[in-house]
């Protein structure tokens, strides 16, 4: 009677996993989502259908006309903001160093921040690029300081004694 040689399990080499910060993963997910939304909403066929639906709804519900127009205005602003955000994310993604990324973010948010200051603080001077950079750095530092707990892995099942 011959016995078969013992079988040794194959060892799969482990490849080190490159750490990607949660901030970069979030930015990447937002970028992909915005790209899809902007692509859909900027499609001329979608815009034409939206206008037709709004016109039909206004004809069928004349009392709701102002509400429908308000809704269209809000959707237009959301679309514009999505385009601005997509461009900003593209600018940041194309930067290769942290100072370039900071400059891209400050350049992207600058006009909107200036408009916000002008709307909320009439007569106030515009915010300097240094102050904007400090604001961006503070927000990034806060996000980097937030630790996300690792996902808990369940313990492997144990064999029960018979």
N, C-alpha and C. Protein backbone atom coordinates (compact mmCIF):
# COMPACT_ATOMS: atom_id res chain seq x y z
N UNK A 1 0.83 -1.16 0.00
CA UNK A 1 0.00 0.00 0.00
C UNK A 1 0.88 1.24 0.00
N UNK A 2 0.63 2.10 -0.96
CA UNK A 2 1.46 3.30 -1.05
C UNK A 2 0.66 4.50 -0.55
N UNK A 3 1.34 5.39 -0.01
CA UNK A 3 0.68 6.61 0.47
C UNK A 3 1.08 7.77 -0.42
N UNK A 4 0.13 8.65 -0.64
CA UNK A 4 0.39 9.83 -1.47
C UNK A 4 1.20 10.83 -0.66
N UNK A 5 2.07 11.54 -1.33
CA UNK A 5 2.85 12.53 -0.58
C UNK A 5 1.92 13.63 -0.07
N UNK A 6 2.25 14.20 1.07
CA UNK A 6 1.39 15.24 1.63
C UNK A 6 1.32 16.44 0.67
N UNK A 7 0.13 16.99 0.59
CA UNK A 7 -0.08 18.14 -0.29
C UNK A 7 0.14 19.41 0.53
N UNK A 8 1.01 20.24 0.02
CA UNK A 8 1.23 21.52 0.71
C UNK A 8 0.43 22.59 0.00
N UNK A 9 -0.27 23.41 0.77
CA UNK A 9 -1.07 24.46 0.13
C UNK A 9 -0.18 25.48 -0.58
N UNK A 10 -0.67 25.95 -1.69
CA UNK A 10 0.07 26.96 -2.45
C UNK A 10 0.03 28.28 -1.68
N UNK A 11 1.15 28.93 -1.65
CA UNK A 11 1.24 30.21 -0.97
C UNK A 11 1.15 31.31 -2.02
N UNK A 12 0.17 32.16 -1.83
CA UNK A 12 0.01 33.28 -2.75
C UNK A 12 0.79 34.46 -2.20
N UNK A 13 1.71 35.00 -3.00
CA UNK A 13 2.46 36.14 -2.48
C UNK A 13 1.53 37.33 -2.28
N UNK A 14 1.77 38.02 -1.19
CA UNK A 14 0.93 39.19 -0.91
C UNK A 14 1.56 40.42 -1.53
N UNK A 15 0.72 41.21 -2.15
CA UNK A 15 1.17 42.45 -2.76
C UNK A 15 0.81 43.58 -1.81
N UNK A 16 1.78 44.40 -1.45
CA UNK A 16 1.43 45.48 -0.53
C UNK A 16 0.41 46.42 -1.17
N UNK A 17 -0.57 46.79 -0.38
CA UNK A 17 -1.62 47.68 -0.85
C UNK A 17 -1.19 49.12 -0.62
N UNK A 18 -1.22 49.90 -1.68
CA UNK A 18 -0.85 51.31 -1.58
C UNK A 18 -1.94 52.04 -0.82
N UNK A 19 -1.55 52.80 0.19
CA UNK A 19 -2.51 53.56 0.99
C UNK A 19 -2.98 54.78 0.21
N UNK A 20 -4.30 54.90 0.09
CA UNK A 20 -4.90 56.06 -0.55
C UNK A 20 -5.75 56.74 0.51
N UNK A 21 -5.53 58.02 0.71
CA UNK A 21 -6.25 58.74 1.76
C UNK A 21 -7.73 58.79 1.45
N UNK A 22 -8.52 58.86 2.48
CA UNK A 22 -9.97 58.92 2.31
C UNK A 22 -10.37 60.19 1.58
N UNK A 23 -9.59 61.25 1.77
CA UNK A 23 -9.88 62.52 1.10
C UNK A 23 -9.72 62.37 -0.42
N UNK A 24 -8.67 61.66 -0.83
CA UNK A 24 -8.46 61.45 -2.26
C UNK A 24 -9.55 60.53 -2.83
N UNK A 25 -9.93 59.49 -2.08
CA UNK A 25 -11.00 58.61 -2.55
C UNK A 25 -12.32 59.37 -2.67
N UNK A 26 -12.60 60.25 -1.70
CA UNK A 26 -13.83 61.04 -1.73
C UNK A 26 -13.81 61.98 -2.94
N UNK A 27 -12.70 62.66 -3.14
CA UNK A 27 -12.57 63.57 -4.28
C UNK A 27 -12.74 62.83 -5.60
N UNK A 28 -12.17 61.64 -5.68
CA UNK A 28 -12.29 60.85 -6.90
C UNK A 28 -13.74 60.44 -7.14
N UNK A 29 -14.44 60.03 -6.08
CA UNK A 29 -15.85 59.65 -6.22
C UNK A 29 -16.70 60.84 -6.63
N UNK A 30 -16.44 61.99 -6.02
CA UNK A 30 -17.19 63.20 -6.37
C UNK A 30 -16.93 63.57 -7.83
N UNK A 31 -15.68 63.47 -8.24
CA UNK A 31 -15.32 63.81 -9.62
C UNK A 31 -16.08 62.92 -10.60
N UNK A 32 -16.08 61.62 -10.34
CA UNK A 32 -16.78 60.69 -11.24
C UNK A 32 -18.27 61.01 -11.27
N UNK A 33 -18.86 61.26 -10.10
CA UNK A 33 -20.28 61.59 -10.04
C UNK A 33 -20.60 62.89 -10.78
N UNK A 34 -19.80 63.92 -10.55
CA UNK A 34 -20.03 65.19 -11.23
C UNK A 34 -19.86 65.06 -12.74
N UNK A 35 -18.87 64.29 -13.14
CA UNK A 35 -18.64 64.10 -14.57
C UNK A 35 -19.87 63.46 -15.21
N UNK A 36 -20.46 62.47 -14.53
CA UNK A 36 -21.65 61.81 -15.06
C UNK A 36 -22.84 62.77 -15.08
N UNK A 37 -23.03 63.52 -14.00
CA UNK A 37 -24.16 64.46 -13.92
C UNK A 37 -24.03 65.54 -14.98
N UNK A 38 -22.85 66.13 -15.08
CA UNK A 38 -22.64 67.19 -16.07
C UNK A 38 -22.81 66.64 -17.48
N UNK A 39 -22.31 65.44 -17.72
CA UNK A 39 -22.46 64.83 -19.03
C UNK A 39 -23.92 64.62 -19.38
N UNK A 40 -24.71 64.17 -18.41
CA UNK A 40 -26.13 63.95 -18.66
C UNK A 40 -26.87 65.27 -18.85
N UNK A 41 -26.67 66.20 -17.93
CA UNK A 41 -27.42 67.45 -17.98
C UNK A 41 -27.01 68.37 -19.12
N UNK A 42 -25.79 68.22 -19.59
CA UNK A 42 -25.36 69.09 -20.69
C UNK A 42 -25.75 68.53 -22.05
N UNK A 43 -26.33 67.35 -22.06
CA UNK A 43 -26.79 66.76 -23.30
C UNK A 43 -27.94 67.60 -23.84
N UNK A 44 -27.85 68.11 -25.07
CA UNK A 44 -28.92 68.95 -25.62
C UNK A 44 -30.29 68.27 -25.64
N UNK A 45 -30.31 66.96 -25.85
CA UNK A 45 -31.58 66.24 -25.86
C UNK A 45 -32.23 66.28 -24.48
N UNK A 46 -31.43 66.11 -23.44
CA UNK A 46 -31.96 66.16 -22.07
C UNK A 46 -32.48 67.56 -21.76
N UNK A 47 -31.73 68.58 -22.15
CA UNK A 47 -32.17 69.95 -21.90
C UNK A 47 -33.47 70.26 -22.65
N UNK A 48 -33.60 69.76 -23.86
CA UNK A 48 -34.81 70.00 -24.64
C UNK A 48 -36.01 69.32 -23.98
N UNK A 49 -35.82 68.09 -23.54
CA UNK A 49 -36.91 67.36 -22.87
C UNK A 49 -37.29 68.06 -21.58
N UNK A 50 -36.31 68.54 -20.83
CA UNK A 50 -36.60 69.23 -19.57
C UNK A 50 -37.44 70.47 -19.81
N UNK A 51 -37.09 71.23 -20.83
CA UNK A 51 -37.86 72.44 -21.15
C UNK A 51 -39.28 72.08 -21.57
N UNK A 52 -39.42 71.03 -22.35
CA UNK A 52 -40.75 70.61 -22.80
C UNK A 52 -41.59 70.13 -21.62
N UNK A 53 -41.00 69.37 -20.73
CA UNK A 53 -41.72 68.89 -19.55
C UNK A 53 -42.14 70.08 -18.70
N UNK A 54 -41.26 71.05 -18.51
CA UNK A 54 -41.60 72.23 -17.72
C UNK A 54 -42.73 73.02 -18.38
N UNK A 55 -42.68 73.16 -19.70
CA UNK A 55 -43.75 73.89 -20.41
C UNK A 55 -45.09 73.17 -20.30
N UNK A 56 -45.10 71.85 -20.47
CA UNK A 56 -46.33 71.07 -20.35
C UNK A 56 -46.87 71.16 -18.93
N UNK A 57 -45.97 71.03 -17.94
CA UNK A 57 -46.41 71.11 -16.55
C UNK A 57 -47.00 72.48 -16.24
N UNK A 58 -46.43 73.53 -16.78
CA UNK A 58 -46.94 74.88 -16.56
C UNK A 58 -48.31 75.03 -17.22
N UNK A 59 -48.50 74.44 -18.40
CA UNK A 59 -49.80 74.51 -19.08
C UNK A 59 -50.86 73.72 -18.31
N UNK A 60 -50.48 72.55 -17.82
CA UNK A 60 -51.44 71.70 -17.10
C UNK A 60 -51.72 72.22 -15.69
N UNK A 61 -50.76 72.84 -15.09
CA UNK A 61 -50.89 73.33 -13.72
C UNK A 61 -50.50 74.81 -13.67
N UNK A 62 -51.34 75.69 -14.23
CA UNK A 62 -50.97 77.10 -14.31
C UNK A 62 -50.72 77.74 -12.93
N UNK A 63 -51.40 77.26 -11.92
CA UNK A 63 -51.19 77.81 -10.58
C UNK A 63 -49.80 77.48 -10.05
N UNK A 64 -49.22 76.41 -10.57
CA UNK A 64 -47.88 75.98 -10.12
C UNK A 64 -46.77 76.55 -10.99
N UNK A 65 -47.12 77.40 -11.95
CA UNK A 65 -46.13 77.98 -12.86
C UNK A 65 -44.95 78.63 -12.16
N UNK A 66 -45.21 79.51 -11.16
CA UNK A 66 -44.07 80.13 -10.47
C UNK A 66 -43.17 79.10 -9.76
N UNK A 67 -43.78 78.07 -9.20
CA UNK A 67 -43.00 77.03 -8.53
C UNK A 67 -42.14 76.27 -9.54
N UNK A 68 -42.72 75.97 -10.69
CA UNK A 68 -41.98 75.26 -11.73
C UNK A 68 -40.81 76.11 -12.22
N UNK A 69 -41.05 77.41 -12.42
CA UNK A 69 -39.97 78.31 -12.85
C UNK A 69 -38.88 78.39 -11.79
N UNK A 70 -39.27 78.44 -10.52
CA UNK A 70 -38.29 78.47 -9.43
C UNK A 70 -37.46 77.21 -9.44
N UNK A 71 -38.14 76.08 -9.62
CA UNK A 71 -37.44 74.80 -9.66
C UNK A 71 -36.45 74.77 -10.82
N UNK A 72 -36.85 75.27 -11.98
CA UNK A 72 -35.94 75.31 -13.12
C UNK A 72 -34.73 76.19 -12.81
N UNK A 73 -34.95 77.30 -12.14
CA UNK A 73 -33.84 78.18 -11.76
C UNK A 73 -32.87 77.49 -10.82
N UNK A 74 -33.43 76.77 -9.84
CA UNK A 74 -32.57 76.04 -8.88
C UNK A 74 -31.78 74.96 -9.60
N UNK A 75 -32.44 74.23 -10.48
CA UNK A 75 -31.74 73.17 -11.22
C UNK A 75 -30.64 73.76 -12.10
N UNK A 76 -30.90 74.93 -12.69
CA UNK A 76 -29.87 75.58 -13.49
C UNK A 76 -28.66 75.96 -12.65
N UNK A 77 -28.91 76.46 -11.43
CA UNK A 77 -27.80 76.82 -10.54
C UNK A 77 -27.02 75.58 -10.11
N UNK A 78 -27.73 74.49 -9.84
CA UNK A 78 -27.05 73.24 -9.47
C UNK A 78 -26.17 72.76 -10.62
N UNK A 79 -26.70 72.85 -11.84
CA UNK A 79 -25.92 72.45 -13.01
C UNK A 79 -24.67 73.32 -13.14
N UNK A 80 -24.84 74.63 -13.00
CA UNK A 80 -23.68 75.53 -13.09
C UNK A 80 -22.65 75.20 -12.03
N UNK A 81 -23.10 74.92 -10.80
CA UNK A 81 -22.17 74.59 -9.72
C UNK A 81 -21.47 73.27 -10.00
N UNK A 82 -22.18 72.32 -10.58
CA UNK A 82 -21.56 71.04 -10.93
C UNK A 82 -20.46 71.24 -11.96
N UNK A 83 -20.70 72.10 -12.93
CA UNK A 83 -19.69 72.39 -13.95
C UNK A 83 -18.47 73.04 -13.31
N UNK A 84 -18.70 74.03 -12.44
CA UNK A 84 -17.59 74.70 -11.75
C UNK A 84 -16.80 73.70 -10.92
N UNK A 85 -17.50 72.83 -10.20
CA UNK A 85 -16.83 71.83 -9.36
C UNK A 85 -16.04 70.84 -10.20
N UNK A 86 -16.61 70.43 -11.33
CA UNK A 86 -15.90 69.48 -12.20
C UNK A 86 -14.61 70.11 -12.72
N UNK A 87 -14.68 71.35 -13.16
CA UNK A 87 -13.48 72.03 -13.66
C UNK A 87 -12.44 72.16 -12.54
N UNK A 88 -12.90 72.50 -11.34
CA UNK A 88 -11.97 72.63 -10.21
C UNK A 88 -11.30 71.30 -9.90
N UNK A 89 -12.06 70.22 -9.92
CA UNK A 89 -11.48 68.91 -9.64
C UNK A 89 -10.51 68.50 -10.74
N UNK A 90 -10.80 68.84 -11.99
CA UNK A 90 -9.87 68.53 -13.07
C UNK A 90 -8.56 69.31 -12.88
N UNK A 91 -8.68 70.57 -12.49
CA UNK A 91 -7.48 71.39 -12.27
C UNK A 91 -6.63 70.82 -11.14
N UNK A 92 -7.28 70.40 -10.07
CA UNK A 92 -6.54 69.84 -8.94
C UNK A 92 -5.92 68.51 -9.33
N UNK A 93 -6.67 67.68 -10.05
CA UNK A 93 -6.16 66.37 -10.45
C UNK A 93 -4.95 66.48 -11.38
N UNK A 94 -4.90 67.54 -12.18
CA UNK A 94 -3.78 67.68 -13.11
C UNK A 94 -2.53 68.23 -12.42
N UNK A 95 -2.68 68.78 -11.23
CA UNK A 95 -1.52 69.30 -10.50
C UNK A 95 -0.70 68.14 -9.96
N UNK A 96 0.63 68.30 -9.97
CA UNK A 96 1.49 67.20 -9.54
C UNK A 96 2.08 67.39 -8.16
N UNK A 97 2.12 68.62 -7.67
CA UNK A 97 2.69 68.85 -6.34
C UNK A 97 1.64 69.53 -5.46
N UNK A 98 1.87 69.46 -4.16
CA UNK A 98 0.92 70.08 -3.24
C UNK A 98 0.77 71.59 -3.45
N UNK A 99 1.87 72.34 -3.68
CA UNK A 99 1.68 73.77 -3.96
C UNK A 99 0.86 74.02 -5.23
N UNK A 100 1.04 73.18 -6.25
CA UNK A 100 0.24 73.33 -7.47
C UNK A 100 -1.23 73.01 -7.19
N UNK A 101 -1.48 71.99 -6.37
CA UNK A 101 -2.85 71.64 -6.02
C UNK A 101 -3.51 72.77 -5.24
N UNK A 102 -2.77 73.35 -4.31
CA UNK A 102 -3.30 74.47 -3.53
C UNK A 102 -3.62 75.64 -4.44
N UNK A 103 -2.73 75.95 -5.36
CA UNK A 103 -2.97 77.05 -6.29
C UNK A 103 -4.20 76.78 -7.17
N UNK A 104 -4.37 75.51 -7.57
CA UNK A 104 -5.53 75.15 -8.41
C UNK A 104 -6.83 75.31 -7.62
N UNK A 105 -6.83 74.89 -6.37
CA UNK A 105 -8.04 75.02 -5.54
C UNK A 105 -8.34 76.49 -5.30
N UNK A 106 -7.34 77.26 -4.92
CA UNK A 106 -7.55 78.69 -4.65
C UNK A 106 -8.03 79.40 -5.91
N UNK A 107 -7.46 79.06 -7.05
CA UNK A 107 -7.90 79.65 -8.31
C UNK A 107 -9.33 79.29 -8.66
N UNK A 108 -9.73 78.08 -8.30
CA UNK A 108 -11.09 77.62 -8.61
C UNK A 108 -12.13 78.22 -7.69
N UNK A 109 -11.82 78.32 -6.40
CA UNK A 109 -12.82 78.82 -5.45
C UNK A 109 -12.79 80.33 -5.31
N UNK A 110 -11.71 80.95 -5.79
CA UNK A 110 -11.53 82.38 -5.60
C UNK A 110 -12.71 83.23 -6.04
N UNK A 111 -13.15 83.11 -7.29
CA UNK A 111 -14.27 83.95 -7.74
C UNK A 111 -15.55 83.71 -6.94
N UNK A 112 -15.82 82.46 -6.59
CA UNK A 112 -17.03 82.17 -5.82
C UNK A 112 -16.92 82.72 -4.40
N UNK A 113 -15.75 82.61 -3.81
CA UNK A 113 -15.56 83.16 -2.46
C UNK A 113 -15.68 84.67 -2.48
N UNK A 114 -15.11 85.30 -3.50
CA UNK A 114 -15.24 86.76 -3.63
C UNK A 114 -16.71 87.17 -3.78
N UNK A 115 -17.46 86.41 -4.58
CA UNK A 115 -18.88 86.71 -4.77
C UNK A 115 -19.65 86.53 -3.48
N UNK A 116 -19.33 85.49 -2.73
CA UNK A 116 -20.00 85.24 -1.46
C UNK A 116 -19.74 86.39 -0.49
N UNK A 117 -18.49 86.85 -0.43
CA UNK A 117 -18.14 87.97 0.45
C UNK A 117 -18.90 89.22 0.01
N UNK A 118 -18.94 89.48 -1.30
CA UNK A 118 -19.63 90.67 -1.81
C UNK A 118 -21.13 90.61 -1.51
N UNK A 119 -21.73 89.43 -1.63
CA UNK A 119 -23.17 89.27 -1.36
C UNK A 119 -23.50 89.40 0.12
N UNK A 120 -22.64 88.89 0.97
CA UNK A 120 -22.96 88.83 2.40
C UNK A 120 -22.36 89.98 3.21
N UNK A 121 -21.36 90.64 2.68
CA UNK A 121 -20.71 91.74 3.38
C UNK A 121 -20.50 92.90 2.41
N UNK A 122 -21.58 93.57 2.02
CA UNK A 122 -21.47 94.66 1.04
C UNK A 122 -20.44 95.70 1.48
N UNK A 123 -19.64 96.12 0.52
CA UNK A 123 -18.63 97.13 0.80
C UNK A 123 -17.33 96.57 1.31
N UNK A 124 -17.27 95.28 1.61
CA UNK A 124 -16.05 94.68 2.12
C UNK A 124 -15.05 94.49 0.99
N UNK A 125 -13.79 94.53 1.34
CA UNK A 125 -12.73 94.29 0.35
C UNK A 125 -12.72 92.81 -0.02
N UNK A 126 -12.19 92.51 -1.20
CA UNK A 126 -12.08 91.10 -1.58
C UNK A 126 -11.03 90.42 -0.71
N UNK A 127 -11.17 89.13 -0.60
CA UNK A 127 -10.26 88.34 0.23
C UNK A 127 -8.98 88.08 -0.56
N UNK A 128 -7.84 88.25 0.08
CA UNK A 128 -6.56 88.05 -0.62
C UNK A 128 -6.32 86.58 -0.91
N UNK A 129 -5.45 86.32 -1.87
CA UNK A 129 -5.11 84.94 -2.24
C UNK A 129 -4.47 84.21 -1.06
N UNK A 130 -3.71 84.94 -0.23
CA UNK A 130 -3.07 84.32 0.93
C UNK A 130 -4.11 83.85 1.94
N UNK A 131 -5.14 84.66 2.16
CA UNK A 131 -6.20 84.29 3.11
C UNK A 131 -6.97 83.08 2.55
N UNK A 132 -7.26 83.09 1.26
CA UNK A 132 -7.94 81.95 0.64
C UNK A 132 -7.10 80.68 0.79
N UNK A 133 -5.79 80.79 0.55
CA UNK A 133 -4.91 79.64 0.70
C UNK A 133 -4.90 79.15 2.15
N UNK A 134 -4.91 80.07 3.09
CA UNK A 134 -4.97 79.69 4.50
C UNK A 134 -6.25 78.96 4.84
N UNK A 135 -7.37 79.43 4.26
CA UNK A 135 -8.66 78.77 4.48
C UNK A 135 -8.63 77.36 3.93
N UNK A 136 -8.14 77.20 2.71
CA UNK A 136 -8.06 75.87 2.10
C UNK A 136 -7.14 74.97 2.92
N UNK A 137 -5.98 75.48 3.32
CA UNK A 137 -5.05 74.68 4.13
C UNK A 137 -5.68 74.25 5.45
N UNK A 138 -6.44 75.15 6.07
CA UNK A 138 -7.09 74.82 7.34
C UNK A 138 -8.12 73.71 7.15
N UNK A 139 -8.89 73.78 6.08
CA UNK A 139 -9.90 72.76 5.83
C UNK A 139 -9.24 71.41 5.53
N UNK A 140 -8.17 71.42 4.72
CA UNK A 140 -7.47 70.17 4.42
C UNK A 140 -6.83 69.60 5.69
N UNK A 141 -6.26 70.46 6.53
CA UNK A 141 -5.67 69.99 7.79
C UNK A 141 -6.74 69.35 8.67
N UNK A 142 -7.92 69.96 8.72
CA UNK A 142 -9.01 69.38 9.50
C UNK A 142 -9.40 68.01 8.94
N UNK A 143 -9.54 67.92 7.62
CA UNK A 143 -9.92 66.65 7.01
C UNK A 143 -8.85 65.59 7.23
N UNK A 144 -7.58 65.98 7.17
CA UNK A 144 -6.50 65.02 7.40
C UNK A 144 -6.43 64.57 8.86
N UNK A 145 -6.89 65.43 9.78
CA UNK A 145 -6.86 65.08 11.19
C UNK A 145 -7.97 64.12 11.57
N UNK A 146 -9.00 64.04 10.76
CA UNK A 146 -10.11 63.13 11.05
C UNK A 146 -9.67 61.73 10.69
N UNK A 147 -9.76 60.84 11.66
CA UNK A 147 -9.38 59.46 11.40
C UNK A 147 -10.63 58.62 11.24
N UNK A 148 -10.62 57.85 10.22
CA UNK A 148 -11.73 56.95 9.97
C UNK A 148 -11.33 55.60 10.54
N UNK A 149 -12.15 55.04 11.43
CA UNK A 149 -11.76 53.76 12.01
C UNK A 149 -11.73 52.68 10.93
N UNK A 150 -10.77 51.77 11.04
CA UNK A 150 -10.71 50.71 10.03
C UNK A 150 -11.95 49.83 10.13
N UNK A 151 -12.32 49.27 9.00
CA UNK A 151 -13.47 48.38 8.99
C UNK A 151 -13.13 47.14 9.81
N UNK A 152 -14.05 46.75 10.65
CA UNK A 152 -13.78 45.57 11.47
C UNK A 152 -13.95 44.34 10.62
N UNK A 153 -13.04 43.40 10.81
CA UNK A 153 -13.12 42.15 10.06
C UNK A 153 -13.63 41.09 11.02
N UNK A 154 -14.60 40.31 10.58
CA UNK A 154 -15.12 39.27 11.46
C UNK A 154 -14.07 38.19 11.70
N UNK A 155 -14.14 37.62 12.88
CA UNK A 155 -13.20 36.55 13.21
C UNK A 155 -13.53 35.32 12.36
N UNK A 156 -12.50 34.59 11.96
CA UNK A 156 -12.76 33.40 11.15
C UNK A 156 -13.56 32.38 11.97
N UNK A 157 -14.42 31.62 11.30
CA UNK A 157 -15.21 30.64 12.04
C UNK A 157 -14.30 29.56 12.61
N UNK A 158 -14.64 29.10 13.78
CA UNK A 158 -13.85 28.05 14.43
C UNK A 158 -14.62 26.73 14.31
N UNK A 159 -13.87 25.67 14.18
CA UNK A 159 -14.50 24.34 14.08
C UNK A 159 -15.02 23.95 15.44
N UNK A 160 -16.24 23.42 15.45
CA UNK A 160 -16.84 22.98 16.72
C UNK A 160 -16.44 21.52 16.95
N UNK A 161 -16.17 21.25 18.19
CA UNK A 161 -15.82 19.88 18.54
C UNK A 161 -17.06 19.01 18.47
N UNK A 162 -16.89 17.80 17.95
CA UNK A 162 -18.03 16.91 17.81
C UNK A 162 -18.28 16.12 19.05
